[in-house]
All heavy atoms as atom14 arrays in JSON, in Angstrom:
{
  "sequence": "FPRQVVDLMTTFASQSALAMQNARLFHQLEIASKHKSQFLANMSH",
  "atom14_mask": [
    [1, 1, 1, 1, 1, 1, 1, 1, 1, 1, 1, 0, 0, 0],
    [1, 1, 1, 1, 1, 1, 1, 0, 0, 0, 0, 0, 0, 0],
    [1, 1, 1, 1, 1, 1, 1, 1, 1, 1, 1, 0, 0, 0],
    [1, 1, 1, 1, 1, 1, 1, 1, 1, 0, 0, 0, 0, 0],
    [1, 1, 1, 1, 1, 1, 1, 0, 0, 0, 0, 0, 0, 0],
    [1, 1, 1, 1, 1, 1, 1, 0, 0, 0, 0, 0, 0, 0],
    [1, 1, 1, 1, 1, 1, 1, 1, 0, 0, 0, 0, 0, 0],
    [1, 1, 1, 1, 1, 1, 1, 1, 0, 0, 0, 0, 0, 0],
    [1, 1, 1, 1, 1, 1, 1, 1, 0, 0, 0, 0, 0, 0],
    [1, 1, 1, 1, 1, 1, 1, 0, 0, 0, 0, 0, 0, 0],
    [1, 1, 1, 1, 1, 1, 1, 0, 0, 0, 0, 0, 0, 0],
    [1, 1, 1, 1, 1, 1, 1, 1, 1, 1, 1, 0, 0, 0],
    [1, 1, 1, 1, 1, 0, 0, 0, 0, 0, 0, 0, 0, 0],
    [1, 1, 1, 1, 1, 1, 0, 0, 0, 0, 0, 0, 0, 0],
    [1, 1, 1, 1, 1, 1, 1, 1, 1, 0, 0, 0, 0, 0],
    [1, 1, 1, 1, 1, 1, 0, 0, 0, 0, 0, 0, 0, 0],
    [1, 1, 1, 1, 1, 0, 0, 0, 0, 0, 0, 0, 0, 0],
    [1, 1, 1, 1, 1, 1, 1, 1, 0, 0, 0, 0, 0, 0],
    [1, 1, 1, 1, 1, 0, 0, 0, 0, 0, 0, 0, 0, 0],
    [1, 1, 1, 1, 1, 1, 1, 1, 0, 0, 0, 0, 0, 0],
    [1, 1, 1, 1, 1, 1, 1, 1, 1, 0, 0, 0, 0, 0],
    [1, 1, 1, 1, 1, 1, 1, 1, 0, 0, 0, 0, 0, 0],
    [1, 1, 1, 1, 1, 0, 0, 0, 0, 0, 0, 0, 0, 0],
    [1, 1, 1, 1, 1, 1, 1, 1, 1, 1, 1, 0, 0, 0],
    [1, 1, 1, 1, 1, 1, 1, 1, 0, 0, 0, 0, 0, 0],
    [1, 1, 1, 1, 1, 1, 1, 1, 1, 1, 1, 0, 0, 0],
    [1, 1, 1, 1, 1, 1, 1, 1, 1, 1, 0, 0, 0, 0],
    [1, 1, 1, 1, 1, 1, 1, 1, 1, 0, 0, 0, 0, 0],
    [1, 1, 1, 1, 1, 1, 1, 1, 0, 0, 0, 0, 0, 0],
    [1, 1, 1, 1, 1, 1, 1, 1, 1, 0, 0, 0, 0, 0],
    [1, 1, 1, 1, 1, 1, 1, 1, 0, 0, 0, 0, 0, 0],
    [1, 1, 1, 1, 1, 0, 0, 0, 0, 0, 0, 0, 0, 0],
    [1, 1, 1, 1, 1, 1, 0, 0, 0, 0, 0, 0, 0, 0],
    [1, 1, 1, 1, 1, 1, 1, 1, 1, 0, 0, 0, 0, 0],
    [1, 1, 1, 1, 1, 1, 1, 1, 1, 1, 0, 0, 0, 0],
    [1, 1, 1, 1, 1, 1, 1, 1, 1, 0, 0, 0, 0, 0],
    [1, 1, 1, 1, 1, 1, 0, 0, 0, 0, 0, 0, 0, 0],
    [1, 1, 1, 1, 1, 1, 1, 1, 1, 0, 0, 0, 0, 0],
    [1, 1, 1, 1, 1, 1, 1, 1, 1, 1, 1, 0, 0, 0],
    [1, 1, 1, 1, 1, 1, 1, 1, 0, 0, 0, 0, 0, 0],
    [1, 1, 1, 1, 1, 0, 0, 0, 0, 0, 0, 0, 0, 0],
    [1, 1, 1, 1, 1, 1, 1, 1, 0, 0, 0, 0, 0, 0],
    [1, 1, 1, 1, 1, 1, 1, 1, 0, 0, 0, 0, 0, 0],
    [1, 1, 1, 1, 1, 1, 0, 0, 0, 0, 0, 0, 0, 0],
    [1, 1, 1, 1, 1, 1, 1, 1, 1, 1, 0, 0, 0, 0]
  ],
  "atom14_positions": [
    [[22.6, -17.56, 13.25], [21.27, -17.4, 13.86], [20.51, -18.71, 13.83], [20.49, -19.35, 12.8], [20.48, -16.32, 13.12], [21.02, -14.93, 13.27], [22.03, -14.44, 12.44], [20.53, -14.09, 14.28], [22.53, -13.16, 12.58], [21.03, -12.81, 14.43], [22.02, -12.35, 13.57], [0.0, 0.0, 0.0], [0.0, 0.0, 0.0], [0.0, 0.0, 0.0]],
    [[19.9, -19.09, 14.93], [19.17, -20.37, 14.93], [17.94, -20.32, 14.01], [17.45, -19.23, 13.69], [18.75, -20.54, 16.4], [18.8, -19.17, 17.01], [19.87, -18.44, 16.25], [0.0, 0.0, 0.0], [0.0, 0.0, 0.0], [0.0, 0.0, 0.0], [0.0, 0.0, 0.0], [0.0, 0.0, 0.0], [0.0, 0.0, 0.0], [0.0, 0.0, 0.0]],
    [[17.46, -21.49, 13.63], [16.34, -21.61, 12.73], [15.09, -20.87, 13.24], [14.35, -20.28, 12.48], [16.02, -23.1, 12.52], [14.98, -23.4, 11.49], [15.47, -23.18, 10.08], [14.8, -22.13, 9.4], [15.15, -21.63, 8.25], [16.18, -22.11, 7.61], [14.45, -20.65, 7.66], [0.0, 0.0, 0.0], [0.0, 0.0, 0.0], [0.0, 0.0, 0.0]],
    [[14.93, -20.96, 14.54], [13.75, -20.32, 15.17], [13.75, -18.84, 14.88], [12.69, -18.24, 14.59], [13.74, -20.58, 16.67], [12.55, -19.96, 17.38], [12.66, -20.1, 18.9], [13.67, -20.64, 19.42], [11.66, -19.64, 19.6], [0.0, 0.0, 0.0], [0.0, 0.0, 0.0], [0.0, 0.0, 0.0], [0.0, 0.0, 0.0], [0.0, 0.0, 0.0]],
    [[14.92, -18.19, 15.0], [15.03, -16.73, 14.77], [14.79, -16.43, 13.28], [14.11, -15.46, 12.94], [16.42, -16.19, 15.21], [16.63, -14.76, 14.74], [16.57, -16.32, 16.71], [0.0, 0.0, 0.0], [0.0, 0.0, 0.0], [0.0, 0.0, 0.0], [0.0, 0.0, 0.0], [0.0, 0.0, 0.0], [0.0, 0.0, 0.0], [0.0, 0.0, 0.0]],
    [[15.34, -17.27, 12.39], [15.13, -17.05, 10.95], [13.64, -17.13, 10.6], [13.13, -16.27, 9.89], [15.93, -18.1, 10.14], [15.64, -17.92, 8.64], [17.44, -17.97, 10.41], [0.0, 0.0, 0.0], [0.0, 0.0, 0.0], [0.0, 0.0, 0.0], [0.0, 0.0, 0.0], [0.0, 0.0, 0.0], [0.0, 0.0, 0.0], [0.0, 0.0, 0.0]],
    [[12.96, -18.12, 11.19], [11.52, -18.26, 10.9], [10.76, -17.06, 11.44], [9.81, -16.57, 10.79], [10.99, -19.55, 11.55], [11.54, -20.79, 10.85], [12.03, -20.68, 9.71], [11.5, -21.88, 11.45], [0.0, 0.0, 0.0], [0.0, 0.0, 0.0], [0.0, 0.0, 0.0], [0.0, 0.0, 0.0], [0.0, 0.0, 0.0], [0.0, 0.0, 0.0]],
    [[11.12, -16.61, 12.62], [10.41, -15.45, 13.21], [10.63, -14.18, 12.36], [9.72, -13.42, 12.13], [10.91, -15.22, 14.63], [10.23, -14.08, 15.41], [8.74, -14.35, 15.54], [10.85, -13.95, 16.79], [0.0, 0.0, 0.0], [0.0, 0.0, 0.0], [0.0, 0.0, 0.0], [0.0, 0.0, 0.0], [0.0, 0.0, 0.0], [0.0, 0.0, 0.0]],
    [[11.87, -13.98, 11.9], [12.15, -12.81, 11.06], [11.41, -12.9, 9.75], [11.02, -11.87, 9.18], [13.66, -12.7, 10.83], [14.49, -12.33, 12.07], [13.91, -10.87, 12.95], [13.17, -11.61, 14.41], [0.0, 0.0, 0.0], [0.0, 0.0, 0.0], [0.0, 0.0, 0.0], [0.0, 0.0, 0.0], [0.0, 0.0, 0.0], [0.0, 0.0, 0.0]],
    [[11.22, -14.12, 9.23], [10.47, -14.28, 8.01], [9.02, -13.84, 8.2], [8.4, -13.22, 7.32], [10.48, -15.77, 7.55], [11.87, -16.17, 7.34], [9.72, -15.96, 6.26], [0.0, 0.0, 0.0], [0.0, 0.0, 0.0], [0.0, 0.0, 0.0], [0.0, 0.0, 0.0], [0.0, 0.0, 0.0], [0.0, 0.0, 0.0], [0.0, 0.0, 0.0]],
    [[8.47, -14.16, 9.39], [7.11, -13.7, 9.71], [7.05, -12.18, 9.8], [6.14, -11.54, 9.28], [6.66, -14.32, 11.06], [6.71, -15.74, 10.96], [5.24, -13.89, 11.37], [0.0, 0.0, 0.0], [0.0, 0.0, 0.0], [0.0, 0.0, 0.0], [0.0, 0.0, 0.0], [0.0, 0.0, 0.0], [0.0, 0.0, 0.0], [0.0, 0.0, 0.0]],
    [[8.03, -11.59, 10.49], [8.11, -10.13, 10.58], [8.24, -9.51, 9.19], [7.72, -8.42, 8.93], [9.27, -9.7, 11.49], [8.96, -9.75, 12.96], [9.87, -10.29, 13.84], [7.75, -9.26, 13.44], [9.58, -10.33, 15.18], [7.48, -9.31, 14.78], [8.36, -9.86, 15.68], [0.0, 0.0, 0.0], [0.0, 0.0, 0.0], [0.0, 0.0, 0.0]],
    [[9.02, -10.16, 8.32], [9.17, -9.63, 6.98], [7.85, -9.62, 6.22], [7.57, -8.7, 5.46], [10.22, -10.51, 6.22], [0.0, 0.0, 0.0], [0.0, 0.0, 0.0], [0.0, 0.0, 0.0], [0.0, 0.0, 0.0], [0.0, 0.0, 0.0], [0.0, 0.0, 0.0], [0.0, 0.0, 0.0], [0.0, 0.0, 0.0], [0.0, 0.0, 0.0]],
    [[7.03, -10.65, 6.45], [5.71, -10.71, 5.8], [4.86, -9.56, 6.26], [4.14, -8.93, 5.46], [5.01, -12.04, 6.1], [5.74, -13.12, 5.56], [0.0, 0.0, 0.0], [0.0, 0.0, 0.0], [0.0, 0.0, 0.0], [0.0, 0.0, 0.0], [0.0, 0.0, 0.0], [0.0, 0.0, 0.0], [0.0, 0.0, 0.0], [0.0, 0.0, 0.0]],
    [[4.93, -9.27, 7.57], [4.14, -8.12, 8.1], [4.65, -6.8, 7.53], [3.85, -5.9, 7.23], [4.23, -8.11, 9.64], [3.65, -9.34, 10.34], [2.17, -9.28, 10.44], [1.47, -8.8, 9.52], [1.58, -9.74, 11.53], [0.0, 0.0, 0.0], [0.0, 0.0, 0.0], [0.0, 0.0, 0.0], [0.0, 0.0, 0.0], [0.0, 0.0, 0.0]],
    [[5.96, -6.67, 7.4], [6.53, -5.46, 6.83], [6.13, -5.29, 5.39], [5.75, -4.19, 4.97], [8.06, -5.52, 6.91], [8.52, -5.72, 8.25], [0.0, 0.0, 0.0], [0.0, 0.0, 0.0], [0.0, 0.0, 0.0], [0.0, 0.0, 0.0], [0.0, 0.0, 0.0], [0.0, 0.0, 0.0], [0.0, 0.0, 0.0], [0.0, 0.0, 0.0]],
    [[6.12, -6.38, 4.63], [5.71, -6.34, 3.22], [4.24, -5.92, 3.11], [3.89, -5.09, 2.25], [5.93, -7.68, 2.57], [0.0, 0.0, 0.0], [0.0, 0.0, 0.0], [0.0, 0.0, 0.0], [0.0, 0.0, 0.0], [0.0, 0.0, 0.0], [0.0, 0.0, 0.0], [0.0, 0.0, 0.0], [0.0, 0.0, 0.0], [0.0, 0.0, 0.0]],
    [[3.4, -6.44, 4.0], [1.99, -6.09, 3.98], [1.79, -4.59, 4.28], [1.01, -3.9, 3.59], [1.21, -6.91, 5.03], [-0.25, -6.6, 5.19], [-1.01, -6.8, 3.89], [-0.87, -7.44, 6.29], [0.0, 0.0, 0.0], [0.0, 0.0, 0.0], [0.0, 0.0, 0.0], [0.0, 0.0, 0.0], [0.0, 0.0, 0.0], [0.0, 0.0, 0.0]],
    [[2.51, -4.06, 5.27], [2.43, -2.64, 5.6], [2.88, -1.76, 4.45], [2.26, -0.75, 4.11], [3.29, -2.33, 6.85], [0.0, 0.0, 0.0], [0.0, 0.0, 0.0], [0.0, 0.0, 0.0], [0.0, 0.0, 0.0], [0.0, 0.0, 0.0], [0.0, 0.0, 0.0], [0.0, 0.0, 0.0], [0.0, 0.0, 0.0], [0.0, 0.0, 0.0]],
    [[3.98, -2.15, 3.77], [4.48, -1.37, 2.66], [3.54, -1.45, 1.47], [3.32, -0.44, 0.78], [5.89, -1.83, 2.28], [6.92, -1.54, 3.37], [8.53, -2.32, 3.09], [9.15, -1.3, 1.79], [0.0, 0.0, 0.0], [0.0, 0.0, 0.0], [0.0, 0.0, 0.0], [0.0, 0.0, 0.0], [0.0, 0.0, 0.0], [0.0, 0.0, 0.0]],
    [[2.97, -2.61, 1.22], [2.02, -2.74, 0.12], [0.76, -1.94, 0.41], [0.25, -1.24, -0.51], [1.63, -4.21, -0.07], [0.71, -4.42, -1.3], [0.15, -5.83, -1.36], [-0.34, -6.33, -0.38], [0.24, -6.45, -2.54], [0.0, 0.0, 0.0], [0.0, 0.0, 0.0], [0.0, 0.0, 0.0], [0.0, 0.0, 0.0], [0.0, 0.0, 0.0]],
    [[0.28, -1.94, 1.62], [-0.9, -1.11, 1.99], [-0.62, 0.35, 1.73], [-1.48, 1.09, 1.22], [-1.25, -1.33, 3.46], [-1.89, -2.69, 3.71], [-2.3, -3.35, 2.77], [-2.0, -3.07, 4.95], [0.0, 0.0, 0.0], [0.0, 0.0, 0.0], [0.0, 0.0, 0.0], [0.0, 0.0, 0.0], [0.0, 0.0, 0.0], [0.0, 0.0, 0.0]],
    [[0.58, 0.81, 2.14], [0.94, 2.21, 1.94], [0.99, 2.55, 0.47], [0.51, 3.61, 0.03], [2.28, 2.5, 2.61], [0.0, 0.0, 0.0], [0.0, 0.0, 0.0], [0.0, 0.0, 0.0], [0.0, 0.0, 0.0], [0.0, 0.0, 0.0], [0.0, 0.0, 0.0], [0.0, 0.0, 0.0], [0.0, 0.0, 0.0], [0.0, 0.0, 0.0]],
    [[1.56, 1.67, -0.35], [1.64, 1.93, -1.8], [0.26, 1.96, -2.42], [-0.06, 2.83, -3.25], [2.5, 0.86, -2.46], [3.97, 0.93, -2.12], [4.79, -0.12, -2.85], [6.21, -0.05, -2.5], [7.13, -0.82, -3.03], [6.81, -1.71, -3.96], [8.4, -0.73, -2.67], [0.0, 0.0, 0.0], [0.0, 0.0, 0.0], [0.0, 0.0, 0.0]],
    [[-0.58, 1.0, -2.03], [-1.94, 0.94, -2.6], [-2.75, 2.18, -2.2], [-3.5, 2.74, -3.02], [-2.67, -0.3, -2.13], [-2.13, -1.66, -2.72], [-2.87, -2.81, -2.06], [-2.31, -1.69, -4.23], [0.0, 0.0, 0.0], [0.0, 0.0, 0.0], [0.0, 0.0, 0.0], [0.0, 0.0, 0.0], [0.0, 0.0, 0.0], [0.0, 0.0, 0.0]],
    [[-2.58, 2.61, -0.94], [-3.32, 3.8, -0.5], [-2.84, 5.02, -1.26], [-3.67, 5.88, -1.65], [-3.06, 4.01, 1.0], [-3.83, 5.17, 1.58], [-5.2, 5.12, 1.74], [-3.2, 6.35, 1.91], [-5.91, 6.2, 2.25], [-3.88, 7.44, 2.4], [-5.24, 7.35, 2.59], [0.0, 0.0, 0.0], [0.0, 0.0, 0.0], [0.0, 0.0, 0.0]],
    [[-1.54, 5.12, -1.51], [-1.04, 6.25, -2.3], [-1.61, 6.23, -3.71], [-2.01, 7.26, -4.26], [0.5, 6.17, -2.34], [1.14, 7.27, -3.13], [1.04, 8.59, -2.76], [1.86, 7.25, -4.29], [1.68, 9.36, -3.64], [2.2, 8.55, -4.57], [0.0, 0.0, 0.0], [0.0, 0.0, 0.0], [0.0, 0.0, 0.0], [0.0, 0.0, 0.0]],
    [[-1.67, 5.03, -4.31], [-2.25, 4.93, -5.64], [-3.72, 5.28, -5.66], [-4.22, 5.93, -6.61], [-2.06, 3.5, -6.19], [-0.58, 3.14, -6.46], [-0.4, 1.67, -6.75], [-1.35, 0.89, -6.75], [0.83, 1.24, -6.97], [0.0, 0.0, 0.0], [0.0, 0.0, 0.0], [0.0, 0.0, 0.0], [0.0, 0.0, 0.0], [0.0, 0.0, 0.0]],
    [[-4.44, 4.86, -4.6], [-5.84, 5.19, -4.51], [-6.08, 6.7, -4.35], [-7.03, 7.25, -4.9], [-6.48, 4.45, -3.32], [-6.72, 2.96, -3.51], [-7.2, 2.33, -2.21], [-7.77, 2.72, -4.6], [0.0, 0.0, 0.0], [0.0, 0.0, 0.0], [0.0, 0.0, 0.0], [0.0, 0.0, 0.0], [0.0, 0.0, 0.0], [0.0, 0.0, 0.0]],
    [[-5.18, 7.34, -3.59], [-5.27, 8.79, -3.42], [-5.14, 9.51, -4.76], [-5.86, 10.43, -5.08], [-4.19, 9.29, -2.46], [-4.56, 9.18, -0.99], [-3.58, 9.93, -0.14], [-2.36, 9.78, -0.36], [-3.99, 10.63, 0.81], [0.0, 0.0, 0.0], [0.0, 0.0, 0.0], [0.0, 0.0, 0.0], [0.0, 0.0, 0.0], [0.0, 0.0, 0.0]],
    [[-4.14, 9.05, -5.55], [-3.92, 9.65, -6.87], [-5.11, 9.41, -7.76], [-5.59, 10.33, -8.44], [-2.61, 9.07, -7.51], [-1.4, 9.49, -6.69], [-2.49, 9.54, -8.93], [-0.11, 8.83, -7.14], [0.0, 0.0, 0.0], [0.0, 0.0, 0.0], [0.0, 0.0, 0.0], [0.0, 0.0, 0.0], [0.0, 0.0, 0.0], [0.0, 0.0, 0.0]],
    [[-5.62, 8.15, -7.77], [-6.77, 7.86, -8.59], [-7.99, 8.66, -8.18], [-8.77, 9.1, -9.03], [-7.07, 6.35, -8.5], [0.0, 0.0, 0.0], [0.0, 0.0, 0.0], [0.0, 0.0, 0.0], [0.0, 0.0, 0.0], [0.0, 0.0, 0.0], [0.0, 0.0, 0.0], [0.0, 0.0, 0.0], [0.0, 0.0, 0.0], [0.0, 0.0, 0.0]],
    [[-8.18, 8.85, -6.86], [-9.33, 9.59, -6.38], [-9.23, 11.05, -6.82], [-10.25, 11.65, -7.18], [-9.38, 9.5, -4.84], [-10.47, 10.25, -4.33], [0.0, 0.0, 0.0], [0.0, 0.0, 0.0], [0.0, 0.0, 0.0], [0.0, 0.0, 0.0], [0.0, 0.0, 0.0], [0.0, 0.0, 0.0], [0.0, 0.0, 0.0], [0.0, 0.0, 0.0]],
    [[-8.01, 11.62, -6.78], [-7.84, 13.0, -7.22], [-8.15, 13.13, -8.7], [-8.83, 14.09, -9.11], [-6.43, 13.46, -6.92], [-6.16, 13.72, -5.45], [-4.74, 14.18, -5.2], [-4.48, 14.43, -3.75], [-3.06, 14.81, -3.47], [0.0, 0.0, 0.0], [0.0, 0.0, 0.0], [0.0, 0.0, 0.0], [0.0, 0.0, 0.0], [0.0, 0.0, 0.0]],
    [[-7.68, 12.19, -9.5], [-7.97, 12.22, -10.93], [-9.46, 12.1, -11.19], [-10.02, 12.79, -12.06], [-7.21, 11.11, -11.66], [-5.74, 11.34, -11.75], [-5.21, 12.57, -12.1], [-4.68, 10.5, -11.59], [-3.88, 12.48, -12.15], [-3.55, 11.24, -11.83], [0.0, 0.0, 0.0], [0.0, 0.0, 0.0], [0.0, 0.0, 0.0], [0.0, 0.0, 0.0]],
    [[-10.14, 11.18, -10.42], [-11.57, 10.99, -10.58], [-12.31, 12.26, -10.27], [-13.2, 12.7, -11.0], [-12.04, 9.86, -9.71], [-13.53, 9.57, -9.82], [-14.09, 8.99, -8.53], [-14.14, 10.07, -7.43], [-14.77, 9.61, -6.2], [0.0, 0.0, 0.0], [0.0, 0.0, 0.0], [0.0, 0.0, 0.0], [0.0, 0.0, 0.0], [0.0, 0.0, 0.0]],
    [[-11.96, 12.9, -9.12], [-12.63, 14.13, -8.7], [-12.45, 15.22, -9.72], [-13.36, 15.98, -10.03], [-12.13, 14.54, -7.32], [-12.43, 13.58, -6.35], [0.0, 0.0, 0.0], [0.0, 0.0, 0.0], [0.0, 0.0, 0.0], [0.0, 0.0, 0.0], [0.0, 0.0, 0.0], [0.0, 0.0, 0.0], [0.0, 0.0, 0.0], [0.0, 0.0, 0.0]],
    [[-11.2, 15.33, -10.24], [-10.92, 16.37, -11.21], [-11.67, 16.13, -12.5], [-12.23, 17.04, -13.13], [-9.43, 16.43, -11.51], [-9.01, 17.67, -12.29], [-9.33, 18.98, -11.55], [-8.98, 19.16, -10.41], [-10.0, 19.89, -12.24], [0.0, 0.0, 0.0], [0.0, 0.0, 0.0], [0.0, 0.0, 0.0], [0.0, 0.0, 0.0], [0.0, 0.0, 0.0]],
    [[-11.75, 14.86, -12.92], [-12.48, 14.49, -14.13], [-13.97, 14.84, -13.97], [-14.59, 15.41, -14.86], [-12.33, 12.99, -14.42], [-13.23, 12.48, -15.5], [-12.95, 12.73, -16.83], [-14.37, 11.76, -15.18], [-13.78, 12.25, -17.84], [-15.22, 11.28, -16.18], [-14.92, 11.53, -17.52], [0.0, 0.0, 0.0], [0.0, 0.0, 0.0], [0.0, 0.0, 0.0]],
    [[-14.57, 14.48, -12.8], [-15.97, 14.76, -12.59], [-16.23, 16.26, -12.57], [-17.22, 16.74, -13.12], [-16.43, 14.14, -11.26], [-16.59, 12.65, -11.24], [-16.9, 12.16, -9.83], [-17.65, 12.17, -12.21], [0.0, 0.0, 0.0], [0.0, 0.0, 0.0], [0.0, 0.0, 0.0], [0.0, 0.0, 0.0], [0.0, 0.0, 0.0], [0.0, 0.0, 0.0]],
    [[-15.31, 17.02, -11.95], [-15.47, 18.48, -11.93], [-15.43, 19.07, -13.31], [-16.24, 19.89, -13.68], [-14.39, 19.11, -11.01], [0.0, 0.0, 0.0], [0.0, 0.0, 0.0], [0.0, 0.0, 0.0], [0.0, 0.0, 0.0], [0.0, 0.0, 0.0], [0.0, 0.0, 0.0], [0.0, 0.0, 0.0], [0.0, 0.0, 0.0], [0.0, 0.0, 0.0]],
    [[-14.46, 18.62, -14.1], [-14.32, 19.13, -15.48], [-15.54, 18.75, -16.34], [-16.06, 19.59, -17.07], [-13.06, 18.59, -16.13], [-11.81, 19.16, -15.49], [-11.86, 20.18, -14.81], [-10.66, 18.5, -15.68], [0.0, 0.0, 0.0], [0.0, 0.0, 0.0], [0.0, 0.0, 0.0], [0.0, 0.0, 0.0], [0.0, 0.0, 0.0], [0.0, 0.0, 0.0]],
    [[-15.91, 17.47, -16.24], [-17.06, 17.01, -17.05], [-18.35, 17.71, -16.63], [-19.16, 18.07, -17.5], [-17.2, 15.5, -16.92], [-16.16, 14.72, -17.71], [-16.19, 15.11, -19.47], [-17.83, 14.58, -19.93], [0.0, 0.0, 0.0], [0.0, 0.0, 0.0], [0.0, 0.0, 0.0], [0.0, 0.0, 0.0], [0.0, 0.0, 0.0], [0.0, 0.0, 0.0]],
    [[-18.54, 17.87, -15.34], [-19.76, 18.54, -14.85], [-19.82, 19.96, -15.39], [-20.89, 20.44, -15.82], [-19.8, 18.53, -13.33], [-19.81, 17.2, -12.84], [0.0, 0.0, 0.0], [0.0, 0.0, 0.0], [0.0, 0.0, 0.0], [0.0, 0.0, 0.0], [0.0, 0.0, 0.0], [0.0, 0.0, 0.0], [0.0, 0.0, 0.0], [0.0, 0.0, 0.0]],
    [[-18.7, 20.64, -15.36], [-18.65, 22.02, -15.85], [-18.94, 22.05, -17.37], [-19.71, 22.89, -17.84], [-17.28, 22.61, -15.58], [-17.13, 24.02, -16.12], [-17.76, 25.1, -15.51], [-16.45, 24.51, -17.16], [-17.47, 26.19, -16.2], [-16.67, 25.86, -17.18], [0.0, 0.0, 0.0], [0.0, 0.0, 0.0], [0.0, 0.0, 0.0], [0.0, 0.0, 0.0]]
  ]
}
């Protein structure tokens, strides 16, 4: 594969990594939000 293709795929790989990291962070935030809401509900009660 020519260098140009390798460089382009490296750029696409960076975009893929960003998308996967965003998905993982969002999943972690969802879990944290659920724990926070449950904690507030329990403490309020």
